[in-house]
Amino acid sequence: MTTNDEQLFLAHILKNPVNGRILQLAPLLGVSDWWLTAGALFQTVWNVLEGRDPQAGIRDYDLFYFDEDTSNEAEHAVIVRAREVFRDLGVEVEVRNEARVHLWYEEHFGVPAVPFTGTTDAVDHFAAKTCCFAVTSDPAGNLSTYAPHGYEDLFARRIAPNPVLAPREVYEAKTQRWLAQWPSLTVLPWPEDESGNDASPAASNNPT
């Protein structure tokens, strides 16, 4: 059973032909728990809602998977296969093992991350709730969606923060970049506690 919002979401993201081809080709990678996610989806929807080219402003296409082999060599082997599988698409498909994120997250973003339990757990930790979407397909080509916060903010072109992992500056840098591409967006502010301080877990772990 699918909802009307889910059907509309899928109709919008498939107006970007790159998404459709990635969903068709991804099973060839032979990885588990894979999902097309992030800007490939929500930015396509913004483009459709604004009457733009569905591919406009999309820098890359994120494909996440989950493999308990967290070695760099194992992930690199999948990345090499992906270059071959997606070579004719003319876009960058960024393939990453989400079981490895905790190994490098603090170095990149300044706060530690606990190991994710699966790919959808990784999606749950995006900096904005409006980014938390993922789509996968089964061997018969049937699509499944993951949308833990629903579709209301997405269709309203409203970006809501998700202060569970990424620090405030990551959210603000991303939203500034998105506003430059999609000026019709509404960006909700990062939450603060009663004293006016950053209320995110990252801030409480980094009092400076």
Protein backbone atom coordinates (compact mmCIF):
# COMPACT_ATOMS: atom_id res chain seq x y z
CA MET A 1 0.00 0.00 0.00
CA THR A 2 1.40 3.40 -0.95
CA THR A 3 0.20 6.83 0.05
CA ASN A 4 -0.67 9.57 -2.41
CA ASP A 5 2.33 11.57 -1.19
CA GLU A 6 4.64 8.62 -1.74
CA GLN A 7 3.27 8.10 -5.26
CA LEU A 8 3.75 11.79 -6.03
CA PHE A 9 7.28 11.68 -4.62
CA LEU A 10 8.20 8.72 -6.83
CA ALA A 11 6.63 10.37 -9.87
CA HIS A 12 8.70 13.49 -9.26
CA ILE A 13 12.04 11.77 -8.67
CA LEU A 14 11.60 9.61 -11.78
CA LYS A 15 11.27 12.73 -13.92
CA ASN A 16 15.03 12.83 -13.51
CA PRO A 17 16.11 10.02 -15.87
CA VAL A 18 19.40 9.59 -14.02
CA ASN A 19 17.52 8.43 -10.93
CA GLY A 20 15.61 5.86 -12.93
CA ARG A 21 18.77 4.44 -14.49
CA ILE A 22 20.61 4.28 -11.16
CA LEU A 23 17.71 2.37 -9.63
CA GLN A 24 17.78 -0.05 -12.57
CA LEU A 25 21.55 -0.54 -12.55
CA ALA A 26 22.39 -0.54 -8.84
CA PRO A 27 21.57 -4.24 -8.29
CA LEU A 28 24.52 -5.03 -10.57
CA LEU A 29 26.87 -3.80 -7.83
CA GLY A 30 26.03 -6.87 -5.73
CA VAL A 31 25.93 -4.95 -2.44
CA SER A 32 23.45 -5.28 0.41
CA ASP A 33 21.04 -2.73 1.88
CA TRP A 34 21.59 -0.20 -0.91
CA TRP A 35 19.57 2.98 -1.35
CA LEU A 36 19.66 5.99 -3.66
CA THR A 37 19.42 8.96 -1.34
CA ALA A 38 20.07 12.61 -0.50
CA GLY A 39 20.17 15.37 -3.12
CA ALA A 40 19.45 13.05 -6.02
CA LEU A 41 15.95 12.83 -4.58
CA PHE A 42 15.01 15.98 -2.69
CA GLN A 43 16.75 18.30 -5.15
CA THR A 44 15.01 16.62 -8.08
CA VAL A 45 11.68 17.26 -6.32
CA TRP A 46 12.57 20.92 -5.79
CA ASN A 47 13.41 21.22 -9.48
CA VAL A 48 10.11 19.65 -10.54
CA LEU A 49 8.15 21.91 -8.19
CA GLU A 50 9.93 24.96 -9.60
CA GLY A 51 9.46 23.89 -13.22
CA ARG A 52 13.19 23.53 -13.80
CA ASP A 53 15.22 20.83 -15.51
CA PRO A 54 14.94 17.91 -13.03
CA GLN A 55 18.75 17.56 -13.03
CA ALA A 56 19.53 21.25 -12.40
CA GLY A 57 21.93 21.99 -9.56
CA ILE A 58 22.50 18.35 -8.55
CA ARG A 59 26.24 17.94 -7.97
CA ASP A 60 26.28 14.17 -7.48
CA TYR A 61 24.09 11.15 -6.84
CA ASP A 62 24.55 9.38 -3.52
CA LEU A 63 24.15 5.62 -3.37
CA PHE A 64 24.60 4.16 0.10
CA TYR A 65 25.02 0.51 1.02
CA PHE A 66 25.90 -1.38 4.20
CA ASP A 67 28.64 -3.98 4.48
CA GLU A 68 30.17 -5.16 7.74
CA ASP A 69 33.54 -5.37 5.97
CA THR A 70 34.63 -1.84 6.83
CA SER A 71 38.02 -2.02 5.19
CA ASN A 72 38.96 0.73 2.79
CA GLU A 73 39.89 -1.93 0.24
CA ALA A 74 36.41 -3.47 0.23
CA GLU A 75 34.71 -0.12 -0.24
CA HIS A 76 37.16 0.86 -2.96
CA ALA A 77 36.38 -2.34 -4.86
CA VAL A 78 32.69 -1.39 -4.87
CA ILE A 79 33.53 2.15 -6.00
CA VAL A 80 35.53 0.74 -8.92
CA ARG A 81 32.62 -1.51 -9.91
CA ALA A 82 30.27 1.47 -9.69
CA ARG A 83 32.39 3.48 -12.12
CA GLU A 84 31.91 0.71 -14.66
CA VAL A 85 28.21 0.14 -13.95
CA PHE A 86 27.31 3.84 -14.14
CA ARG A 87 29.89 4.90 -16.72
CA ASP A 88 27.34 5.97 -19.36
CA LEU A 89 25.22 8.20 -17.11
CA GLY A 90 27.39 11.31 -17.44
CA VAL A 91 27.11 12.15 -13.73
CA GLU A 92 29.06 11.41 -10.58
CA VAL A 93 27.53 8.55 -8.58
CA GLU A 94 29.09 8.60 -5.13
CA VAL A 95 28.94 5.13 -3.61
CA ARG A 96 29.74 4.74 0.08
CA ASN A 97 29.59 2.00 2.70
CA GLU A 98 27.66 3.50 5.62
CA ALA A 99 29.13 0.93 8.01
CA ARG A 100 32.40 2.88 7.70
CA VAL A 101 31.14 6.40 8.43
CA HIS A 102 32.11 6.42 12.11
CA LEU A 103 35.72 5.76 11.08
CA TRP A 104 36.10 9.13 9.31
CA TYR A 105 33.21 11.35 10.41
CA GLU A 106 34.94 13.16 13.27
CA GLU A 107 37.96 14.02 11.13
CA HIS A 108 35.69 15.60 8.51
CA PHE A 109 33.03 17.25 10.68
CA GLY A 110 34.58 17.71 14.11
CA VAL A 111 32.16 15.53 16.09
CA PRO A 112 32.25 11.76 16.71
CA ALA A 113 29.68 9.40 15.21
CA VAL A 114 28.57 6.07 16.60
CA PRO A 115 28.47 3.17 14.11
CA PHE A 116 25.29 3.09 12.08
CA THR A 117 23.18 -0.07 12.24
CA GLY A 118 22.12 0.05 8.59
CA THR A 119 21.70 2.37 5.65
CA THR A 120 18.41 3.83 6.78
CA ASP A 121 20.01 4.61 10.15
CA ALA A 122 22.56 6.69 8.24
CA VAL A 123 19.74 8.51 6.42
CA ASP A 124 18.17 9.27 9.81
CA HIS A 125 21.30 11.25 10.69
CA PHE A 126 21.31 13.71 7.80
CA ALA A 127 21.70 17.35 8.84
CA ALA A 128 18.17 18.28 7.68
CA LYS A 129 14.95 16.31 8.01
CA THR A 130 14.07 17.44 4.50
CA CYS A 131 17.04 15.39 3.25
CA CYS A 132 15.92 12.14 4.85
CA PHE A 133 14.67 10.26 1.81
CA ALA A 134 15.88 7.08 0.16
CA VAL A 135 14.66 4.76 -2.59
CA THR A 136 15.67 1.22 -3.48
CA SER A 137 14.39 -1.45 -5.85
CA ASP A 138 13.93 -5.20 -5.64
CA PRO A 139 15.01 -7.71 -8.33
CA ALA A 140 11.66 -7.24 -10.09
CA GLY A 141 12.15 -3.49 -10.28
CA ASN A 142 9.57 -2.62 -7.61
CA LEU A 143 10.51 0.55 -5.75
CA SER A 144 10.49 1.03 -1.98
CA THR A 145 10.84 4.37 -0.26
CA TYR A 146 12.17 5.49 3.11
CA ALA A 147 10.81 8.80 4.40
CA PRO A 148 11.00 8.90 8.21
CA HIS A 149 9.72 12.49 8.46
CA GLY A 150 7.12 12.30 5.72
CA TYR A 151 6.77 14.53 2.68
CA GLU A 152 5.09 17.71 3.93
CA ASP A 153 8.25 19.80 4.31
CA LEU A 154 9.65 18.52 1.02
CA PHE A 155 6.60 19.51 -1.00
CA ALA A 156 6.43 22.85 0.83
CA ARG A 157 10.09 23.48 -0.11
CA ARG A 158 10.81 23.97 3.59
CA ILE A 159 14.11 22.80 5.12
CA ALA A 160 13.92 21.66 8.74
CA PRO A 161 17.05 20.95 10.81
CA ASN A 162 17.78 17.49 12.16
CA PRO A 163 20.10 18.08 15.15
CA VAL A 164 21.05 14.49 15.92
CA LEU A 165 24.62 14.31 14.60
CA ALA A 166 25.84 16.97 12.18
CA PRO A 167 26.85 20.24 13.86
CA ARG A 168 25.05 23.52 13.27
CA GLU A 169 27.69 24.86 10.90
CA VAL A 170 27.20 21.89 8.56
CA TYR A 171 23.46 22.56 8.39
CA GLU A 172 23.97 26.27 7.80
CA ALA A 173 26.62 25.74 5.11
CA LYS A 174 24.39 23.27 3.27
CA THR A 175 21.30 25.47 3.43
CA GLN A 176 23.25 28.50 2.23
CA ARG A 177 24.42 26.53 -0.78
CA TRP A 178 20.92 25.23 -1.50
CA LEU A 179 19.38 28.70 -1.26
CA ALA A 180 21.80 29.89 -3.94
CA GLN A 181 20.41 27.23 -6.29
CA TRP A 182 16.77 27.18 -5.13
CA PRO A 183 15.92 30.67 -3.77
CA SER A 184 12.26 29.76 -3.24
CA LEU A 185 13.22 27.51 -0.30
CA THR A 186 12.33 28.37 3.29
CA VAL A 187 15.06 27.49 5.79
CA LEU A 188 14.02 26.89 9.40
CA PRO A 189 16.59 27.94 12.03
CA TRP A 190 18.76 25.58 14.02
CA PRO A 191 17.19 24.96 17.45
CA GLU A 192 18.44 26.67 20.58
CA ASP A 193 17.79 25.90 24.23
CA GLU A 194 16.13 28.31 26.65
CA SER A 195 19.40 30.16 27.22
CA GLY A 196 19.86 30.73 23.50
CA ASN A 197 22.64 28.16 23.09
CA ASP A 198 22.92 25.53 20.38
CA ALA A 199 20.68 22.66 21.51
CA SER A 200 22.19 19.91 19.37
CA PRO A 201 23.92 16.84 20.85
CA ALA A 202 27.09 17.85 18.99
CA ALA A 203 27.16 21.16 20.86
CA SER A 204 26.73 19.46 24.23
CA ASN A 205 29.71 17.24 23.40
CA ASN A 206 31.76 20.25 22.33
CA PRO A 207 31.10 23.03 24.87
CA THR A 208 33.55 25.43 23.29
